[in-house]
Amino acid sequence: MVRHREEDRQAEIKELTSKGIIPHDHELQKHPKKSSQGRAWFMGRLAALIDEVLPAKVVVDRMVEQAADMLTHGGSLVKAGTSSKL
């Protein structure tokens, strides 16, 4: 019987997790070079999008302000007292 790579991985994942081992961490211990490959991609792609680091309060305040604006706009689209003609 020919086993597929996915089946082998599923068995390996079940075995590792039953021992309390995180499969990703185990893979990085076996192949440490994979860690730097993945990290470079994230740092290159995602870090380029960050142009300022703000305190959490500022981020939350902006989110709340944007949500309030969207709710106000959505409310302006609703007319009270009208009925639809279906």
Protein backbone atom coordinates (compact mmCIF):
# COMPACT_ATOMS: atom_id res chain seq x y z
CA MET A 1 0.00 0.00 0.00
CA VAL A 2 1.32 3.41 -0.92
CA ARG A 3 0.98 6.01 1.83
CA HIS A 4 0.52 9.64 0.99
CA ARG A 5 2.65 12.33 2.59
CA GLU A 6 -0.49 13.97 4.08
CA GLU A 7 -1.44 10.74 5.87
CA ASP A 8 2.06 10.44 7.29
CA ARG A 9 1.91 14.04 8.53
CA GLN A 10 -1.50 13.55 10.16
CA ALA A 11 -0.21 10.56 12.11
CA GLU A 12 2.90 12.51 13.09
CA ILE A 13 0.83 15.51 14.18
CA LYS A 14 -1.45 13.30 16.32
CA GLU A 15 1.57 11.64 17.92
CA LEU A 16 3.28 14.96 18.70
CA THR A 17 0.17 16.65 20.08
CA SER A 18 -0.64 13.63 22.25
CA LYS A 19 2.77 14.20 23.87
CA GLY A 20 2.07 17.93 24.31
CA ILE A 21 4.50 18.93 21.56
CA ILE A 22 3.55 21.69 19.13
CA PRO A 23 4.19 20.31 15.62
CA HIS A 24 5.43 23.64 14.25
CA ASP A 25 8.02 23.98 17.02
CA HIS A 26 9.11 20.37 16.50
CA GLU A 27 9.56 21.00 12.77
CA LEU A 28 11.69 24.08 13.45
CA GLN A 29 13.92 22.10 15.82
CA LYS A 30 14.46 19.49 13.10
CA HIS A 31 15.03 22.12 10.38
CA PRO A 32 16.21 25.41 11.95
CA LYS A 33 16.87 27.02 8.56
CA LYS A 34 13.13 26.98 7.81
CA SER A 35 12.61 29.45 10.64
CA SER A 36 14.74 32.15 9.06
CA GLN A 37 13.08 31.62 5.67
CA GLY A 38 9.62 32.16 7.12
CA ARG A 39 10.69 35.04 9.31
CA ALA A 40 12.26 36.91 6.41
CA TRP A 41 9.02 36.70 4.45
CA PHE A 42 6.94 38.07 7.32
CA MET A 43 9.39 40.82 8.14
CA GLY A 44 9.73 41.85 4.53
CA ARG A 45 6.06 41.79 3.61
CA LEU A 46 4.39 42.89 6.83
CA ALA A 47 6.92 45.25 8.32
CA ALA A 48 6.85 47.31 5.15
CA LEU A 49 3.20 48.11 5.83
CA ILE A 50 3.92 49.67 9.23
CA ASP A 51 4.69 53.35 8.99
CA GLU A 52 4.03 54.36 12.60
CA VAL A 53 3.74 52.66 15.97
CA LEU A 54 0.88 54.04 18.03
CA PRO A 55 -0.13 53.52 21.65
CA ALA A 56 -3.03 51.08 22.11
CA LYS A 57 -5.30 53.91 23.34
CA VAL A 58 -4.88 55.80 20.06
CA VAL A 59 -5.60 52.66 18.03
CA VAL A 60 -8.74 51.86 20.04
CA ASP A 61 -9.93 55.48 19.93
CA ARG A 62 -9.58 55.48 16.14
CA MET A 63 -11.43 52.18 15.84
CA VAL A 64 -14.30 53.47 17.98
CA GLU A 65 -14.45 56.72 16.02
CA GLN A 66 -14.56 54.84 12.70
CA ALA A 67 -17.24 52.46 14.01
CA ALA A 68 -19.34 55.42 15.20
CA ASP A 69 -18.98 57.07 11.80
CA MET A 70 -20.11 53.88 10.05
CA LEU A 71 -23.12 53.51 12.37
CA THR A 72 -24.08 57.15 11.84
CA HIS A 73 -23.79 56.73 8.08
CA GLY A 74 -25.79 53.49 8.16
CA GLY A 75 -28.47 55.13 10.27
CA SER A 76 -28.76 57.98 7.79
CA LEU A 77 -29.72 55.48 5.12
CA VAL A 78 -32.74 54.27 7.12
CA LYS A 79 -35.95 56.28 6.96
CA ALA A 80 -38.35 55.86 9.87
CA GLY A 81 -42.05 55.48 9.21
CA THR A 82 -41.80 54.15 5.68
CA SER A 83 -42.97 50.73 4.67
CA SER A 84 -41.77 48.63 1.83
CA LYS A 85 -44.04 47.62 -1.00
CA LEU A 86 -43.37 43.96 -1.58
